[in-house]
PDB file of all heavy atoms in Angstrom:
ATOM      1  N   LEU A   1       6.249 -14.108 -14.990  1.00  0.00           N
ATOM      2  CA  LEU A   1       5.548 -12.849 -14.711  1.00  0.00           C
ATOM      3  C   LEU A   1       6.123 -11.759 -15.615  1.00  0.00           C
ATOM      4  O   LEU A   1       7.021 -11.003 -15.247  1.00  0.00           O
ATOM      5  CB  LEU A   1       5.698 -12.481 -13.236  1.00  0.00           C
ATOM      6  CG  LEU A   1       5.170 -13.513 -12.242  1.00  0.00           C
ATOM      7  CD1 LEU A   1       5.385 -13.047 -10.819  1.00  0.00           C
ATOM      8  CD2 LEU A   1       3.693 -13.801 -12.498  1.00  0.00           C
ATOM      9  N   ASN A   2       5.565 -11.703 -16.810  1.00  0.00           N
ATOM     10  CA  ASN A   2       6.064 -10.785 -17.824  1.00  0.00           C
ATOM     11  C   ASN A   2       4.916 -10.005 -18.455  1.00  0.00           C
ATOM     12  O   ASN A   2       3.740 -10.216 -18.123  1.00  0.00           O
ATOM     13  CB  ASN A   2       6.851 -11.558 -18.892  1.00  0.00           C
ATOM     14  CG  ASN A   2       6.021 -12.675 -19.509  1.00  0.00           C
ATOM     15  OD1 ASN A   2       4.875 -12.479 -19.897  1.00  0.00           O
ATOM     16  ND2 ASN A   2       6.598 -13.870 -19.586  1.00  0.00           N
ATOM     17  N   GLY A   3       5.245  -9.118 -19.359  1.00  0.00           N
ATOM     18  CA  GLY A   3       4.234  -8.264 -19.962  1.00  0.00           C
ATOM     19  C   GLY A   3       3.139  -9.031 -20.662  1.00  0.00           C
ATOM     20  O   GLY A   3       1.961  -8.631 -20.622  1.00  0.00           O
ATOM     21  N   GLY A   4       3.493 -10.123 -21.327  1.00  0.00           N
ATOM     22  CA  GLY A   4       2.479 -10.923 -22.010  1.00  0.00           C
ATOM     23  C   GLY A   4       1.463 -11.496 -21.060  1.00  0.00           C
ATOM     24  O   GLY A   4       0.258 -11.523 -21.347  1.00  0.00           O
ATOM     25  N   LEU A   5       1.917 -11.955 -19.895  1.00  0.00           N
ATOM     26  CA  LEU A   5       0.991 -12.494 -18.899  1.00  0.00           C
ATOM     27  C   LEU A   5       0.133 -11.384 -18.297  1.00  0.00           C
ATOM     28  O   LEU A   5      -1.082 -11.538 -18.140  1.00  0.00           O
ATOM     29  CB  LEU A   5       1.767 -13.238 -17.811  1.00  0.00           C
ATOM     30  CG  LEU A   5       0.905 -13.899 -16.727  1.00  0.00           C
ATOM     31  CD1 LEU A   5       1.471 -15.266 -16.354  1.00  0.00           C
ATOM     32  CD2 LEU A   5       0.814 -13.023 -15.479  1.00  0.00           C
ATOM     33  N   PHE A   6       0.739 -10.244 -17.968  1.00  0.00           N
ATOM     34  CA  PHE A   6      -0.028  -9.162 -17.351  1.00  0.00           C
ATOM     35  C   PHE A   6      -1.150  -8.676 -18.278  1.00  0.00           C
ATOM     36  O   PHE A   6      -2.235  -8.327 -17.814  1.00  0.00           O
ATOM     37  CB  PHE A   6       0.885  -7.988 -17.005  1.00  0.00           C
ATOM     38  CG  PHE A   6       2.026  -8.340 -16.094  1.00  0.00           C
ATOM     39  CD1 PHE A   6       3.259  -7.713 -16.226  1.00  0.00           C
ATOM     40  CD2 PHE A   6       1.881  -9.306 -15.104  1.00  0.00           C
ATOM     41  CE1 PHE A   6       4.319  -8.029 -15.392  1.00  0.00           C
ATOM     42  CE2 PHE A   6       2.938  -9.645 -14.260  1.00  0.00           C
ATOM     43  CZ  PHE A   6       4.155  -9.005 -14.417  1.00  0.00           C
ATOM     44  N   ALA A   7      -0.898  -8.683 -19.577  1.00  0.00           N
ATOM     45  CA  ALA A   7      -1.899  -8.217 -20.530  1.00  0.00           C
ATOM     46  C   ALA A   7      -3.108  -9.131 -20.593  1.00  0.00           C
ATOM     47  O   ALA A   7      -4.170  -8.721 -21.096  1.00  0.00           O
ATOM     48  CB  ALA A   7      -1.273  -8.088 -21.922  1.00  0.00           C
ATOM     49  N   ARG A   8      -2.984 -10.342 -20.091  1.00  0.00           N
ATOM     50  CA  ARG A   8      -4.095 -11.303 -20.133  1.00  0.00           C
ATOM     51  C   ARG A   8      -4.936 -11.293 -18.862  1.00  0.00           C
ATOM     52  O   ARG A   8      -5.897 -12.038 -18.735  1.00  0.00           O
ATOM     53  CB  ARG A   8      -3.539 -12.706 -20.378  1.00  0.00           C
ATOM     54  CG  ARG A   8      -2.991 -12.873 -21.795  1.00  0.00           C
ATOM     55  CD  ARG A   8      -1.714 -13.681 -21.846  1.00  0.00           C
ATOM     56  NE  ARG A   8      -1.868 -15.077 -21.458  1.00  0.00           N
ATOM     57  CZ  ARG A   8      -0.839 -15.891 -21.221  1.00  0.00           C
ATOM     58  NH1 ARG A   8       0.411 -15.428 -21.290  1.00  0.00           N
ATOM     59  NH2 ARG A   8      -1.058 -17.147 -20.888  1.00  0.00           N
ATOM     60  N   LEU A   9      -4.567 -10.451 -17.891  1.00  0.00           N
ATOM     61  CA  LEU A   9      -5.362 -10.338 -16.670  1.00  0.00           C
ATOM     62  C   LEU A   9      -6.657  -9.574 -16.936  1.00  0.00           C
ATOM     63  O   LEU A   9      -6.780  -8.850 -17.928  1.00  0.00           O
ATOM     64  CB  LEU A   9      -4.548  -9.623 -15.582  1.00  0.00           C
ATOM     65  CG  LEU A   9      -3.388 -10.431 -15.006  1.00  0.00           C
ATOM     66  CD1 LEU A   9      -2.432  -9.521 -14.239  1.00  0.00           C
ATOM     67  CD2 LEU A   9      -3.902 -11.552 -14.104  1.00  0.00           C
ATOM     68  N   ALA A  10      -7.617  -9.723 -16.035  1.00  0.00           N
ATOM     69  CA  ALA A  10      -8.945  -9.114 -16.210  1.00  0.00           C
ATOM     70  C   ALA A  10      -8.837  -7.597 -16.315  1.00  0.00           C
ATOM     71  O   ALA A  10      -8.083  -6.957 -15.573  1.00  0.00           O
ATOM     72  CB  ALA A  10      -9.843  -9.489 -15.033  1.00  0.00           C
ATOM     73  N   ARG A  11      -9.619  -7.027 -17.219  1.00  0.00           N
ATOM     74  CA  ARG A  11      -9.663  -5.570 -17.384  1.00  0.00           C
ATOM     75  C   ARG A  11     -10.983  -4.982 -16.907  1.00  0.00           C
ATOM     76  O   ARG A  11     -11.175  -3.771 -16.960  1.00  0.00           O
ATOM     77  CB  ARG A  11      -9.491  -5.193 -18.862  1.00  0.00           C
ATOM     78  CG  ARG A  11      -8.398  -5.909 -19.615  1.00  0.00           C
ATOM     79  CD  ARG A  11      -7.026  -5.754 -19.015  1.00  0.00           C
ATOM     80  NE  ARG A  11      -6.671  -4.378 -18.726  1.00  0.00           N
ATOM     81  CZ  ARG A  11      -5.580  -4.021 -18.058  1.00  0.00           C
ATOM     82  NH1 ARG A  11      -4.770  -4.956 -17.574  1.00  0.00           N
ATOM     83  NH2 ARG A  11      -5.317  -2.759 -17.822  1.00  0.00           N
ATOM     84  N   ASP A  12     -11.906  -5.845 -16.449  1.00  0.00           N
ATOM     85  CA  ASP A  12     -13.257  -5.383 -16.106  1.00  0.00           C
ATOM     86  C   ASP A  12     -13.518  -5.421 -14.605  1.00  0.00           C
ATOM     87  O   ASP A  12     -14.668  -5.406 -14.173  1.00  0.00           O
ATOM     88  CB  ASP A  12     -14.302  -6.247 -16.826  1.00  0.00           C
ATOM     89  CG  ASP A  12     -14.184  -7.724 -16.463  1.00  0.00           C
ATOM     90  OD1 ASP A  12     -13.188  -8.114 -15.830  1.00  0.00           O
ATOM     91  OD2 ASP A  12     -15.105  -8.486 -16.829  1.00  0.00           O
ATOM     92  N   GLY A  13     -12.470  -5.458 -13.782  1.00  0.00           N
ATOM     93  CA  GLY A  13     -12.650  -5.608 -12.348  1.00  0.00           C
ATOM     94  C   GLY A  13     -12.978  -4.312 -11.637  1.00  0.00           C
ATOM     95  O   GLY A  13     -12.764  -3.208 -12.162  1.00  0.00           O
ATOM     96  N   VAL A  14     -13.491  -4.423 -10.418  1.00  0.00           N
ATOM     97  CA  VAL A  14     -13.931  -3.262  -9.654  1.00  0.00           C
ATOM     98  C   VAL A  14     -12.765  -2.462  -9.080  1.00  0.00           C
ATOM     99  O   VAL A  14     -12.971  -1.343  -8.584  1.00  0.00           O
ATOM    100  CB  VAL A  14     -14.877  -3.694  -8.500  1.00  0.00           C
ATOM    101  CG1 VAL A  14     -16.158  -4.275  -9.059  1.00  0.00           C
ATOM    102  CG2 VAL A  14     -14.180  -4.672  -7.565  1.00  0.00           C
ATOM    103  N   LEU A  15     -11.539  -3.005  -9.124  1.00  0.00           N
ATOM    104  CA  LEU A  15     -10.394  -2.264  -8.612  1.00  0.00           C
ATOM    105  C   LEU A  15      -9.843  -1.258  -9.612  1.00  0.00           C
ATOM    106  O   LEU A  15      -8.969  -0.458  -9.273  1.00  0.00           O
ATOM    107  CB  LEU A  15      -9.272  -3.231  -8.201  1.00  0.00           C
ATOM    108  CG  LEU A  15      -9.589  -4.194  -7.059  1.00  0.00           C
ATOM    109  CD1 LEU A  15      -8.383  -5.093  -6.778  1.00  0.00           C
ATOM    110  CD2 LEU A  15      -9.986  -3.436  -5.802  1.00  0.00           C
ATOM    111  N   GLY A  16     -10.332  -1.305 -10.839  1.00  0.00           N
ATOM    112  CA  GLY A  16      -9.863  -0.367 -11.857  1.00  0.00           C
ATOM    113  C   GLY A  16      -8.638  -0.827 -12.606  1.00  0.00           C
ATOM    114  O   GLY A  16      -8.070  -0.080 -13.411  1.00  0.00           O
ATOM    115  N   GLY A  17      -8.227  -2.050 -12.378  1.00  0.00           N
ATOM    116  CA  GLY A  17      -7.072  -2.613 -13.069  1.00  0.00           C
ATOM    117  C   GLY A  17      -6.498  -3.730 -12.241  1.00  0.00           C
ATOM    118  O   GLY A  17      -6.724  -3.804 -11.027  1.00  0.00           O
ATOM    119  N   PRO A  18      -5.751  -4.626 -12.861  1.00  0.00           N
ATOM    120  CA  PRO A  18      -5.215  -5.783 -12.139  1.00  0.00           C
ATOM    121  C   PRO A  18      -4.032  -5.418 -11.247  1.00  0.00           C
ATOM    122  O   PRO A  18      -3.280  -4.479 -11.519  1.00  0.00           O
ATOM    123  CB  PRO A  18      -4.788  -6.736 -13.257  1.00  0.00           C
ATOM    124  CG  PRO A  18      -4.569  -5.866 -14.440  1.00  0.00           C
ATOM    125  CD  PRO A  18      -5.492  -4.708 -14.313  1.00  0.00           C
ATOM    126  N   VAL A  19      -3.894  -6.199 -10.174  1.00  0.00           N
ATOM    127  CA  VAL A  19      -2.846  -6.002  -9.171  1.00  0.00           C
ATOM    128  C   VAL A  19      -2.008  -7.275  -9.091  1.00  0.00           C
ATOM    129  O   VAL A  19      -2.545  -8.387  -9.103  1.00  0.00           O
ATOM    130  CB  VAL A  19      -3.469  -5.688  -7.797  1.00  0.00           C
ATOM    131  CG1 VAL A  19      -2.395  -5.657  -6.705  1.00  0.00           C
ATOM    132  CG2 VAL A  19      -4.245  -4.375  -7.844  1.00  0.00           C
ATOM    133  N   LEU A  20      -0.698  -7.116  -8.982  1.00  0.00           N
ATOM    134  CA  LEU A  20       0.231  -8.240  -8.840  1.00  0.00           C
ATOM    135  C   LEU A  20       0.744  -8.305  -7.412  1.00  0.00           C
ATOM    136  O   LEU A  20       1.186  -7.294  -6.860  1.00  0.00           O
ATOM    137  CB  LEU A  20       1.414  -8.079  -9.800  1.00  0.00           C
ATOM    138  CG  LEU A  20       2.596  -9.043  -9.609  1.00  0.00           C
ATOM    139  CD1 LEU A  20       2.190 -10.477  -9.924  1.00  0.00           C
ATOM    140  CD2 LEU A  20       3.790  -8.601 -10.466  1.00  0.00           C
ATOM    141  N   VAL A  21       0.703  -9.503  -6.808  1.00  0.00           N
ATOM    142  CA  VAL A  21       1.312  -9.749  -5.506  1.00  0.00           C
ATOM    143  C   VAL A  21       2.253 -10.940  -5.680  1.00  0.00           C
ATOM    144  O   VAL A  21       1.799 -12.065  -5.860  1.00  0.00           O
ATOM    145  CB  VAL A  21       0.253 -10.064  -4.423  1.00  0.00           C
ATOM    146  CG1 VAL A  21       0.942 -10.382  -3.098  1.00  0.00           C
ATOM    147  CG2 VAL A  21      -0.731  -8.914  -4.264  1.00  0.00           C
ATOM    148  N   ASN A  22       3.559 -10.698  -5.637  1.00  0.00           N
ATOM    149  CA  ASN A  22       4.523 -11.796  -5.781  1.00  0.00           C
ATOM    150  C   ASN A  22       5.271 -12.004  -4.473  1.00  0.00           C
ATOM    151  O   ASN A  22       6.093 -11.191  -4.061  1.00  0.00           O
ATOM    152  CB  ASN A  22       5.528 -11.530  -6.907  1.00  0.00           C
ATOM    153  CG  ASN A  22       6.453 -12.731  -7.127  1.00  0.00           C
ATOM    154  OD1 ASN A  22       6.186 -13.836  -6.634  1.00  0.00           O
ATOM    155  ND2 ASN A  22       7.532 -12.530  -7.867  1.00  0.00           N
ATOM    156  N   ALA A  23       4.961 -13.124  -3.815  1.00  0.00           N
ATOM    157  CA  ALA A  23       5.687 -13.540  -2.614  1.00  0.00           C
ATOM    158  C   ALA A  23       6.351 -14.890  -2.850  1.00  0.00           C
ATOM    159  O   ALA A  23       6.708 -15.584  -1.902  1.00  0.00           O
ATOM    160  CB  ALA A  23       4.736 -13.613  -1.428  1.00  0.00           C
ATOM    161  N   GLY A  24       6.494 -15.278  -4.122  1.00  0.00           N
ATOM    162  CA  GLY A  24       7.095 -16.558  -4.473  1.00  0.00           C
ATOM    163  C   GLY A  24       8.606 -16.463  -4.561  1.00  0.00           C
ATOM    164  O   GLY A  24       9.305 -16.497  -3.547  1.00  0.00           O
ATOM    165  N   ARG A  25       9.119 -16.295  -5.779  1.00  0.00           N
ATOM    166  CA  ARG A  25      10.556 -16.188  -5.994  1.00  0.00           C
ATOM    167  C   ARG A  25      10.829 -15.034  -6.950  1.00  0.00           C
ATOM    168  O   ARG A  25      10.048 -14.768  -7.880  1.00  0.00           O
ATOM    169  CB  ARG A  25      11.134 -17.476  -6.576  1.00  0.00           C
ATOM    170  CG  ARG A  25      10.761 -18.744  -5.839  1.00  0.00           C
ATOM    171  CD  ARG A  25      11.179 -18.741  -4.392  1.00  0.00           C
ATOM    172  NE  ARG A  25      12.634 -18.755  -4.232  1.00  0.00           N
ATOM    173  CZ  ARG A  25      13.241 -18.524  -3.066  1.00  0.00           C
ATOM    174  NH1 ARG A  25      12.537 -18.243  -1.996  1.00  0.00           N
ATOM    175  NH2 ARG A  25      14.560 -18.580  -2.990  1.00  0.00           N
ATOM    176  N   GLY A  26      11.978 -14.364  -6.755  1.00  0.00           N
ATOM    177  CA  GLY A  26      12.301 -13.222  -7.598  1.00  0.00           C
ATOM    178  C   GLY A  26      12.508 -13.593  -9.054  1.00  0.00           C
ATOM    179  O   GLY A  26      12.209 -12.794  -9.952  1.00  0.00           O
ATOM    180  N   GLY A  27      13.026 -14.803  -9.296  1.00  0.00           N
ATOM    181  CA  GLY A  27      13.265 -15.216 -10.671  1.00  0.00           C
ATOM    182  C   GLY A  27      12.008 -15.451 -11.483  1.00  0.00           C
ATOM    183  O   GLY A  27      12.076 -15.618 -12.700  1.00  0.00           O
ATOM    184  N   LEU A  28      10.850 -15.448 -10.837  1.00  0.00           N
ATOM    185  CA  LEU A  28       9.589 -15.586 -11.566  1.00  0.00           C
ATOM    186  C   LEU A  28       9.267 -14.337 -12.365  1.00  0.00           C
ATOM    187  O   LEU A  28       8.546 -14.400 -13.360  1.00  0.00           O
ATOM    188  CB  LEU A  28       8.432 -15.851 -10.590  1.00  0.00           C
ATOM    189  CG  LEU A  28       8.502 -17.110  -9.732  1.00  0.00           C
ATOM    190  CD1 LEU A  28       7.422 -17.074  -8.666  1.00  0.00           C
ATOM    191  CD2 LEU A  28       8.356 -18.355 -10.596  1.00  0.00           C
ATOM    192  N   GLN A  29       9.770 -13.172 -11.913  1.00  0.00           N
ATOM    193  CA  GLN A  29       9.319 -11.914 -12.480  1.00  0.00           C
ATOM    194  C   GLN A  29      10.366 -11.267 -13.374  1.00  0.00           C
ATOM    195  O   GLN A  29      11.566 -11.415 -13.176  1.00  0.00           O
ATOM    196  CB  GLN A  29       8.914 -10.948 -11.371  1.00  0.00           C
ATOM    197  CG  GLN A  29      10.040 -10.489 -10.466  1.00  0.00           C
ATOM    198  CD  GLN A  29       9.536  -9.824  -9.202  1.00  0.00           C
ATOM    199  OE1 GLN A  29       8.453 -10.113  -8.707  1.00  0.00           O
ATOM    200  NE2 GLN A  29      10.334  -8.911  -8.654  1.00  0.00           N
ATOM    201  N   VAL A  30       9.856 -10.540 -14.373  1.00  0.00           N
ATOM    202  CA  VAL A  30      10.689  -9.704 -15.239  1.00  0.00           C
ATOM    203  C   VAL A  30      10.429  -8.270 -14.790  1.00  0.00           C
ATOM    204  O   VAL A  30       9.376  -7.700 -15.096  1.00  0.00           O
ATOM    205  CB  VAL A  30      10.343  -9.908 -16.718  1.00  0.00           C
ATOM    206  CG1 VAL A  30      11.215  -9.020 -17.603  1.00  0.00           C
ATOM    207  CG2 VAL A  30      10.503 -11.379 -17.118  1.00  0.00           C
ATOM    208  N   GLU A  31      11.347  -7.693 -14.050  1.00  0.00           N
ATOM    209  CA  GLU A  31      11.071  -6.418 -13.411  1.00  0.00           C
ATOM    210  C   GLU A  31      10.918  -5.277 -14.403  1.00  0.00           C
ATOM    211  O   GLU A  31      10.129  -4.345 -14.175  1.00  0.00           O
ATOM    212  CB  GLU A  31      12.147  -6.132 -12.359  1.00  0.00           C
ATOM    213  CG  GLU A  31      11.923  -7.005 -11.129  1.00  0.00           C
ATOM    214  CD  GLU A  31      13.119  -7.121 -10.203  1.00  0.00           C
ATOM    215  OE1 GLU A  31      14.040  -6.266 -10.303  1.00  0.00           O
ATOM    216  OE2 GLU A  31      13.132  -8.045  -9.371  1.00  0.00           O
ATOM    217  N   ALA A  32      11.605  -5.343 -15.528  1.00  0.00           N
ATOM    218  CA  ALA A  32      11.414  -4.317 -16.555  1.00  0.00           C
ATOM    219  C   ALA A  32       9.972  -4.337 -17.068  1.00  0.00           C
ATOM    220  O   ALA A  32       9.380  -3.284 -17.341  1.00  0.00           O
ATOM    221  CB  ALA A  32      12.396  -4.536 -17.707  1.00  0.00           C
ATOM    222  N   ASP A  33       9.397  -5.523 -17.191  1.00  0.00           N
ATOM    223  CA  ASP A  33       8.010  -5.641 -17.651  1.00  0.00           C
ATOM    224  C   ASP A  33       7.026  -5.170 -16.580  1.00  0.00           C
ATOM    225  O   ASP A  33       5.986  -4.596 -16.895  1.00  0.00           O
ATOM    226  CB  ASP A  33       7.702  -7.088 -18.030  1.00  0.00           C
ATOM    227  CG  ASP A  33       8.345  -7.501 -19.342  1.00  0.00           C
ATOM    228  OD1 ASP A  33       9.213  -6.756 -19.835  1.00  0.00           O
ATOM    229  OD2 ASP A  33       7.985  -8.574 -19.870  1.00  0.00           O
ATOM    230  N   ILE A  34       7.342  -5.426 -15.310  1.00  0.00           N
ATOM    231  CA  ILE A  34       6.483  -4.928 -14.235  1.00  0.00           C
ATOM    232  C   ILE A  34       6.444  -3.407 -14.275  1.00  0.00           C
ATOM    233  O   ILE A  34       5.373  -2.784 -14.222  1.00  0.00           O
ATOM    234  CB  ILE A  34       6.976  -5.425 -12.864  1.00  0.00           C
ATOM    235  CG1 ILE A  34       6.769  -6.939 -12.756  1.00  0.00           C
ATOM    236  CG2 ILE A  34       6.245  -4.704 -11.728  1.00  0.00           C
ATOM    237  CD1 ILE A  34       7.331  -7.540 -11.482  1.00  0.00           C
ATOM    238  N   LEU A  35       7.603  -2.783 -14.378  1.00  0.00           N
ATOM    239  CA  LEU A  35       7.663  -1.319 -14.425  1.00  0.00           C
ATOM    240  C   LEU A  35       6.924  -0.767 -15.634  1.00  0.00           C
ATOM    241  O   LEU A  35       6.143   0.183 -15.514  1.00  0.00           O
ATOM    242  CB  LEU A  35       9.121  -0.867 -14.440  1.00  0.00           C
ATOM    243  CG  LEU A  35       9.864  -1.011 -13.104  1.00  0.00           C
ATOM    244  CD1 LEU A  35      11.374  -0.967 -13.315  1.00  0.00           C
ATOM    245  CD2 LEU A  35       9.418   0.071 -12.135  1.00  0.00           C
ATOM    246  N   ALA A  36       7.149  -1.368 -16.795  1.00  0.00           N
ATOM    247  CA  ALA A  36       6.465  -0.894 -18.002  1.00  0.00           C
ATOM    248  C   ALA A  36       4.956  -1.060 -17.874  1.00  0.00           C
ATOM    249  O   ALA A  36       4.182  -0.173 -18.283  1.00  0.00           O
ATOM    250  CB  ALA A  36       6.981  -1.651 -19.226  1.00  0.00           C
ATOM    251  N   SER A  37       4.518  -2.161 -17.281  1.00  0.00           N
ATOM    252  CA  SER A  37       3.079  -2.422 -17.145  1.00  0.00           C
ATOM    253  C   SER A  37       2.436  -1.488 -16.124  1.00  0.00           C
ATOM    254  O   SER A  37       1.277  -1.097 -16.274  1.00  0.00           O
ATOM    255  CB  SER A  37       2.850  -3.883 -16.751  1.00  0.00           C
ATOM    256  OG  SER A  37       3.302  -4.748 -17.783  1.00  0.00           O
TER     257      SER A  37
END
């Protein structure tokens, strides 16, 4: 879960932008990239 992956999420959705929900494991995510995104 990093900036490269977030940039590939849909940009045309009705919510006005993609949303991340991580309930898996903390090591999956790069928190600096989440904040920047």
